[in-house]
Protein backbone atom coordinates (compact mmCIF):
# COMPACT_ATOMS: atom_id res chain seq x y z
CA UNK A 1 0.00 0.00 0.00
CA UNK A 2 1.19 3.53 -0.78
CA UNK A 3 2.13 6.18 1.79
CA UNK A 4 -1.21 7.90 1.17
CA UNK A 5 -4.84 6.92 0.59
CA UNK A 6 -6.08 9.25 -2.13
CA UNK A 7 -8.23 6.91 -4.20
CA UNK A 8 -9.66 3.41 -4.16
CA UNK A 9 -7.55 2.92 -7.29
CA UNK A 10 -4.50 3.04 -4.96
CA UNK A 11 -5.64 -0.22 -3.35
CA UNK A 12 -5.42 -3.81 -4.53
CA UNK A 13 -8.07 -6.32 -3.52
CA UNK A 14 -5.57 -7.69 -0.99
CA UNK A 15 -5.06 -4.20 0.45
CA UNK A 16 -8.81 -3.79 0.88
CA UNK A 17 -9.22 -7.18 2.51
CA UNK A 18 -6.35 -6.39 4.88
CA UNK A 19 -7.99 -3.09 5.93
CA UNK A 20 -11.37 -4.79 6.44
CA UNK A 21 -9.79 -7.57 8.50
CA UNK A 22 -7.94 -4.99 10.61
CA UNK A 23 -11.22 -3.14 11.14
CA UNK A 24 -12.77 -6.38 12.43
CA UNK A 25 -10.00 -6.55 15.01
CA UNK A 26 -10.63 -2.98 16.08
CA UNK A 27 -14.34 -3.74 16.37
CA UNK A 28 -13.42 -6.23 19.09
CA UNK A 29 -11.37 -3.54 20.88
CA UNK A 30 -14.26 -1.08 20.56
CA UNK A 31 -16.48 -3.49 22.47
CA UNK A 32 -14.30 -3.25 25.57
CA UNK A 33 -14.80 -0.94 28.53
CA UNK A 34 -11.48 0.76 27.68
CA UNK A 35 -11.58 1.43 23.94
CA UNK A 36 -8.16 3.06 23.44
CA UNK A 37 -4.95 1.36 22.37
CA UNK A 38 -1.53 3.06 22.50
CA UNK A 39 -0.54 2.35 18.88
CA UNK A 40 -0.08 5.98 17.77
CA UNK A 41 0.90 7.48 21.12
CA UNK A 42 3.20 10.45 20.58
CA UNK A 43 2.19 10.89 16.93
CA UNK A 44 0.04 13.70 15.57
CA UNK A 45 -2.96 13.43 13.27
CA UNK A 46 -4.35 16.60 11.69
CA UNK A 47 -7.94 16.78 10.44
CA UNK A 48 -8.17 19.58 7.87
CA UNK A 49 -11.79 20.08 6.78
CA UNK A 50 -12.69 22.74 4.22
CA UNK A 51 -16.25 21.42 3.95
CA UNK A 52 -18.98 20.83 6.49
CA UNK A 53 -18.98 17.28 7.84
CA UNK A 54 -20.51 15.40 10.73
CA UNK A 55 -19.96 11.67 10.15
CA UNK A 56 -16.56 11.79 8.47
CA UNK A 57 -14.92 14.38 10.72
CA UNK A 58 -16.24 12.91 13.98
CA UNK A 59 -15.29 9.34 13.05
CA UNK A 60 -11.77 10.34 12.04
CA UNK A 61 -11.43 12.24 15.33
CA UNK A 62 -12.60 9.22 17.32
CA UNK A 63 -10.36 6.92 15.29
CA UNK A 64 -7.25 9.00 16.02
CA UNK A 65 -8.12 9.34 19.72
CA UNK A 66 -8.77 5.62 20.14
CA UNK A 67 -5.33 4.98 18.66
CA UNK A 68 -3.95 7.44 21.29
CA UNK A 69 -2.71 9.97 18.70
CA UNK A 70 -2.46 13.69 19.43
CA UNK A 71 -5.25 15.25 17.37
CA UNK A 72 -5.50 18.69 15.79
CA UNK A 73 -8.86 19.43 14.12
CA UNK A 74 -9.09 22.45 11.83
CA UNK A 75 -12.25 23.71 10.14
CA UNK A 76 -11.96 26.27 7.36
CA UNK A 77 -14.43 28.60 9.09
CA UNK A 78 -12.53 30.59 11.68
CA UNK A 79 -9.11 29.46 10.45
CA UNK A 80 -6.45 31.36 8.51
CA UNK A 81 -8.21 30.20 5.34
CA UNK A 82 -10.84 32.83 6.12
CA UNK A 83 -8.05 35.40 5.92
CA UNK A 84 -6.95 34.26 2.48
CA UNK A 85 -4.22 31.76 3.38
CA UNK A 86 -3.64 29.28 0.56
CA UNK A 87 -3.88 25.53 1.00
CA UNK A 88 -0.15 25.19 0.34
CA UNK A 89 0.74 27.75 3.02
CA UNK A 90 -1.64 26.07 5.47
CA UNK A 91 0.01 22.69 4.84
CA UNK A 92 3.49 24.17 5.25
CA UNK A 93 2.42 25.75 8.54
CA UNK A 94 0.93 22.51 9.83
CA UNK A 95 4.04 20.59 8.75
CA UNK A 96 5.94 22.45 11.45
CA UNK A 97 4.04 20.27 13.94
CA UNK A 98 5.55 17.14 12.36
CA UNK A 99 2.22 15.39 11.70
CA UNK A 100 2.19 11.67 11.04
CA UNK A 101 -1.02 12.00 9.01
CA UNK A 102 -3.17 14.72 7.47
CA UNK A 103 -6.82 13.92 6.79
CA UNK A 104 -8.25 16.43 4.33
CA UNK A 105 -11.71 17.18 2.98
CA UNK A 106 -12.00 19.82 0.29
CA UNK A 107 -14.58 21.00 -2.27
CA UNK A 108 -11.81 20.96 -4.89
CA UNK A 109 -10.93 17.89 -6.95
CA UNK A 110 -7.29 16.90 -6.46
CA UNK A 111 -6.74 18.80 -3.20
CA UNK A 112 -5.65 15.68 -1.32
CA UNK A 113 -3.13 14.81 -4.05
CA UNK A 114 -1.64 18.31 -3.77
CA UNK A 115 -1.31 17.97 0.00
CA UNK A 116 0.47 14.64 -0.50
CA UNK A 117 3.00 16.41 -2.74
CA UNK A 118 3.60 19.17 -0.22
CA UNK A 119 3.84 17.07 2.95
CA UNK A 120 5.88 14.12 4.15
CA UNK A 121 2.91 13.03 6.28
CA UNK A 122 0.58 10.25 5.21
CA UNK A 123 -2.42 11.91 3.54
CA UNK A 124 -5.95 10.52 3.66
CA UNK A 125 -8.53 11.84 1.23
CA UNK A 126 -11.73 12.44 3.20
CA UNK A 127 -13.51 13.69 0.08
CA UNK A 128 -12.30 15.97 -2.73
CA UNK A 129 -15.05 17.67 -4.70
CA UNK A 130 -16.87 15.26 -7.01
CA UNK A 131 -13.82 13.00 -7.29
CA UNK A 132 -13.54 10.37 -4.53
CA UNK A 133 -14.23 9.47 -0.90
CA UNK A 134 -12.23 6.25 -0.43
CA UNK A 135 -12.79 5.65 3.29
CA UNK A 136 -16.57 5.87 2.77
CA UNK A 137 -16.29 3.08 0.20
CA UNK A 138 -14.20 1.00 2.60
CA UNK A 139 -16.67 1.35 5.46
CA UNK A 140 -19.50 0.47 3.06
CA UNK A 141 -17.68 -2.72 2.05
CA UNK A 142 -17.14 -3.51 5.71
CA UNK A 143 -20.81 -2.99 6.61
CA UNK A 144 -22.03 -5.20 3.75
CA UNK A 145 -19.47 -7.92 4.44
CA UNK A 146 -20.54 -8.01 8.08
CA UNK A 147 -24.15 -8.50 7.03
CA UNK A 148 -23.80 -11.05 4.21
CA UNK A 149 -20.29 -12.53 4.40
CA UNK A 150 -18.67 -12.83 0.98
CA UNK A 151 -18.88 -9.85 -1.38
CA UNK A 152 -18.09 -11.89 -4.49
CA UNK A 153 -20.89 -11.78 -7.05
CA UNK A 154 -23.18 -9.40 -5.16
CA UNK A 155 -25.38 -7.21 -7.35
CA UNK A 156 -25.17 -3.56 -6.28
CA UNK A 157 -27.46 -0.81 -7.58
CA UNK A 158 -26.31 2.77 -6.89
CA UNK A 159 -29.32 5.04 -7.36
CA UNK A 160 -29.61 8.81 -7.58
CA UNK A 161 -27.29 11.76 -8.10
CA UNK A 162 -24.28 9.88 -9.45
CA UNK A 163 -22.96 12.93 -11.32
CA UNK A 164 -22.16 14.98 -8.23
CA UNK A 165 -21.28 12.08 -5.90
CA UNK A 166 -17.69 11.29 -4.91
CA UNK A 167 -19.14 8.38 -2.92
CA UNK A 168 -20.54 6.86 -6.12
CA UNK A 169 -17.19 6.88 -7.90
CA UNK A 170 -15.30 5.35 -4.96
CA UNK A 171 -18.01 2.73 -4.39
CA UNK A 172 -18.14 1.67 -8.04
CA UNK A 173 -14.38 1.11 -7.95
CA UNK A 174 -14.45 -0.61 -4.54
CA UNK A 175 -17.38 -2.95 -5.15
CA UNK A 176 -16.03 -3.86 -8.60
CA UNK A 177 -12.60 -4.61 -7.12
CA UNK A 178 -14.24 -7.00 -4.66
CA UNK A 179 -16.00 -8.95 -7.40
CA UNK A 180 -19.44 -7.31 -7.33
CA UNK A 181 -21.66 -6.41 -10.27
CA UNK A 182 -22.45 -2.69 -10.16
CA UNK A 183 -25.32 -0.82 -11.82
CA UNK A 184 -25.80 2.93 -11.56
CA UNK A 185 -29.31 4.31 -11.97
CA UNK A 186 -30.77 7.79 -12.19
CA UNK A 187 -32.05 10.48 -14.53
CA UNK A 188 -29.83 10.92 -17.63
CA UNK A 189 -28.91 14.41 -16.42
CA UNK A 190 -27.41 12.92 -13.21
CA UNK A 191 -25.35 10.11 -14.79
CA UNK A 192 -21.78 11.00 -15.89
CA UNK A 193 -21.17 10.36 -19.58
CA UNK A 194 -18.07 8.20 -19.06
CA UNK A 195 -19.21 6.24 -16.01
CA UNK A 196 -19.31 2.91 -17.90
CA UNK A 197 -15.52 3.12 -18.17
CA UNK A 198 -15.41 2.27 -14.45
CA UNK A 199 -16.91 -1.15 -15.20
CA UNK A 200 -20.53 -0.55 -14.27
CA UNK A 201 -23.85 -0.79 -16.12
CA UNK A 202 -26.15 2.23 -16.55
CA UNK A 203 -29.94 2.28 -16.15
CA UNK A 204 -32.31 5.25 -16.38
CA UNK A 205 -35.19 3.70 -14.45
CA UNK A 206 -35.63 1.38 -11.48
CA UNK A 207 -36.95 -1.39 -13.71
CA UNK A 208 -34.89 -4.48 -12.90
CA UNK A 209 -33.75 -3.23 -9.49
CA UNK A 210 -35.63 -6.11 -7.84
CA UNK A 211 -32.71 -8.34 -8.86
CA UNK A 212 -30.25 -6.28 -6.79
CA UNK A 213 -28.83 -7.61 -3.53
CA UNK A 214 -27.96 -4.09 -2.33
CA UNK A 215 -29.63 -0.80 -3.22
CA UNK A 216 -27.39 2.14 -2.40
CA UNK A 217 -29.31 5.43 -2.52
CA UNK A 218 -27.47 8.72 -3.02
CA UNK A 219 -28.43 12.16 -1.77
CA UNK A 220 -29.48 14.86 -4.22
CA UNK A 221 -26.50 17.23 -3.81
CA UNK A 222 -28.18 20.55 -4.50
CA UNK A 223 -25.15 22.41 -3.10
CA UNK A 224 -23.07 21.15 -6.05
CA UNK A 225 -25.71 21.81 -8.70
CA UNK A 226 -25.68 24.83 -10.96
CA UNK A 227 -28.94 24.93 -12.86
CA UNK A 228 -31.82 22.46 -12.90
CA UNK A 229 -30.98 18.77 -13.30
CA UNK A 230 -34.49 17.45 -12.60
CA UNK A 231 -37.89 19.11 -13.15
CA UNK A 232 -38.64 18.97 -9.41
CA UNK A 233 -37.79 16.94 -6.32
CA UNK A 234 -41.37 15.67 -6.31
CA UNK A 235 -40.98 14.25 -9.82
CA UNK A 236 -37.56 12.83 -8.94
CA UNK A 237 -39.04 11.09 -5.89
CA UNK A 238 -41.90 9.67 -7.94
CA UNK A 239 -39.46 7.96 -10.30
CA UNK A 240 -36.43 7.13 -8.13
CA UNK A 241 -37.36 7.24 -4.43
CA UNK A 242 -36.79 3.91 -2.67
CA UNK A 243 -39.88 3.08 -0.62
CA UNK A 244 -41.61 0.00 0.73
CA UNK A 245 -42.92 -0.94 -2.72
CA UNK A 246 -39.51 -0.75 -4.36
CA UNK A 247 -37.42 -2.45 -1.67
CA UNK A 248 -37.76 -6.22 -1.75
CA UNK A 249 -37.63 -8.31 1.44
CA UNK A 250 -34.32 -9.88 0.41
CA UNK A 251 -32.58 -6.57 -0.33
CA UNK A 252 -30.17 -4.49 1.74
CA UNK A 253 -30.55 -0.70 1.78
CA UNK A 254 -27.61 1.71 2.15
CA UNK A 255 -27.12 5.49 2.13
CA UNK A 256 -23.97 7.53 2.93
CA UNK A 257 -25.92 10.22 4.82
CA UNK A 258 -27.21 12.73 5.45
CA UNK A 259 -30.57 11.45 4.23
CA UNK A 260 -33.18 13.71 2.66
CA UNK A 261 -36.25 11.94 4.06
CA UNK A 262 -39.05 11.83 1.55
CA UNK A 263 -36.75 12.48 -1.42
CA UNK A 264 -34.34 9.63 -2.13
CA UNK A 265 -35.71 7.43 0.67
CA UNK A 266 -39.13 7.02 2.25
CA UNK A 267 -39.30 6.96 6.05
CA UNK A 268 -40.50 3.36 6.25
CA UNK A 269 -37.37 1.97 4.58
CA UNK A 270 -34.93 4.18 6.50
CA UNK A 271 -36.11 2.60 9.74
CA UNK A 272 -36.51 -0.94 8.38
CA UNK A 273 -34.36 -3.93 9.43
CA UNK A 274 -33.01 -4.03 5.87
CA UNK A 275 -31.34 -0.64 6.26
CA UNK A 276 -27.60 -0.61 7.01
CA UNK A 277 -27.48 3.16 7.47
CA UNK A 278 -26.69 3.05 11.21
CA UNK A 279 -24.25 0.17 10.67
CA UNK A 280 -22.43 2.31 8.09
CA UNK A 281 -21.97 5.08 10.65
CA UNK A 282 -20.76 2.58 13.25
CA UNK A 283 -18.30 1.12 10.73
CA UNK A 284 -16.76 4.55 10.16
CA UNK A 285 -14.69 4.58 13.36
CA UNK A 286 -13.18 1.09 13.14
CA UNK A 287 -12.49 1.32 9.39
CA UNK A 288 -10.80 4.70 9.77
CA UNK A 289 -8.81 3.32 12.72
CA UNK A 290 -7.71 0.53 10.40
CA UNK A 291 -6.70 2.98 7.66
CA UNK A 292 -4.62 5.10 10.06
CA UNK A 293 -3.07 1.97 11.53
CA UNK A 294 -2.13 0.47 8.16
CA UNK A 295 -0.68 3.76 6.90
CA UNK A 296 1.19 4.73 10.06
CA UNK A 297 1.99 1.46 11.84
CA UNK A 298 2.63 -0.62 8.75
CA UNK A 299 -0.20 -3.14 9.10
CA UNK A 300 1.33 -6.48 9.97
CA UNK A 301 -0.02 -9.40 12.00
CA UNK A 302 -3.20 -9.69 14.03
CA UNK A 303 -3.94 -7.36 16.91
CA UNK A 304 -2.99 -9.87 19.55
CA UNK A 305 0.23 -10.81 17.76
CA UNK A 306 1.16 -7.16 17.30
CA UNK A 307 0.62 -6.52 20.99
CA UNK A 308 2.77 -9.50 21.96
CA UNK A 309 5.47 -8.36 19.56
CA UNK A 310 5.86 -5.13 21.50
CA UNK A 311 3.46 -2.83 19.65
CA UNK A 312 0.92 -3.12 22.48
CA UNK A 313 -1.79 -3.00 19.83
CA UNK A 314 -4.25 -5.13 21.72
CA UNK A 315 -3.70 -3.63 25.17
CA UNK A 316 -5.40 -0.55 26.61
CA UNK A 317 -3.20 2.51 27.02
CA UNK A 318 -0.99 2.11 30.08
CA UNK A 319 -2.05 5.44 31.53
CA UNK A 320 -5.66 4.34 31.69
CA UNK A 321 -7.22 2.00 34.24
CA UNK A 322 -7.54 -1.63 33.22
CA UNK A 323 -11.07 -3.00 32.86
CA UNK A 324 -12.17 -5.31 35.66
């Protein structure tokens, strides 16, 4: 695996499986009374978020803290960016703190790749414009694998605003790499022209979606839209909303959040047992712990073996009380 995680394309299938297996080990640690391990004690992780975020920023913060890293969280609002400081100057300033990793979210495509050029730290792309969101794809793989076991041969339908979705691009690449069949579905105005080059099939209606194992609904990203891409949200919902009639009893439902209730999803399916939406959020912490661990601690053997080898991976931090 490379020094950085900028794209799912950076990862082989073996890399992905290793991260998912590591996340399983951290899930066991997260079930303990003392959830922290001392793996990254003395190392600094910087969260640099130029876009609003709840799930991604909070899960990366928890991931770093549970690995005992020193954490610096910077939001664009109220930072030197408000005063006109460039991204490059910000990165050079933060580099003075000798960070082990920089986690960056930006509205601009390629921002994470630029940070990786300017910094010796490991860089994690937490979303760059309409390009990619690789850790979201990894936590989605983890959540599905936990529910069904093997990912090989699963039929995945990604429905909605594919054009503006970095999650869609990362998930197409990730699910395809794990042996899944991927179909993207939405109005022609919200499907990128070259999306088939990623190895997926395109549909412009929900006809045939009953054969899917997983339906992954995407949010209508009005904040990224210039002009009108659909006649109205009501018409969009009539054609593409996933509701109780369109979700079969054998199907799994996913959504990256936040959900626009009554637009892409009806309330009855959001709260159904088939929905993995809460499980996706829960997966965020352990998967992002695994990503930081693999990038900064080099991966390696199982948690227990790493702890016995001197890394103390599996043991709670020494400064904290031991569970009874």
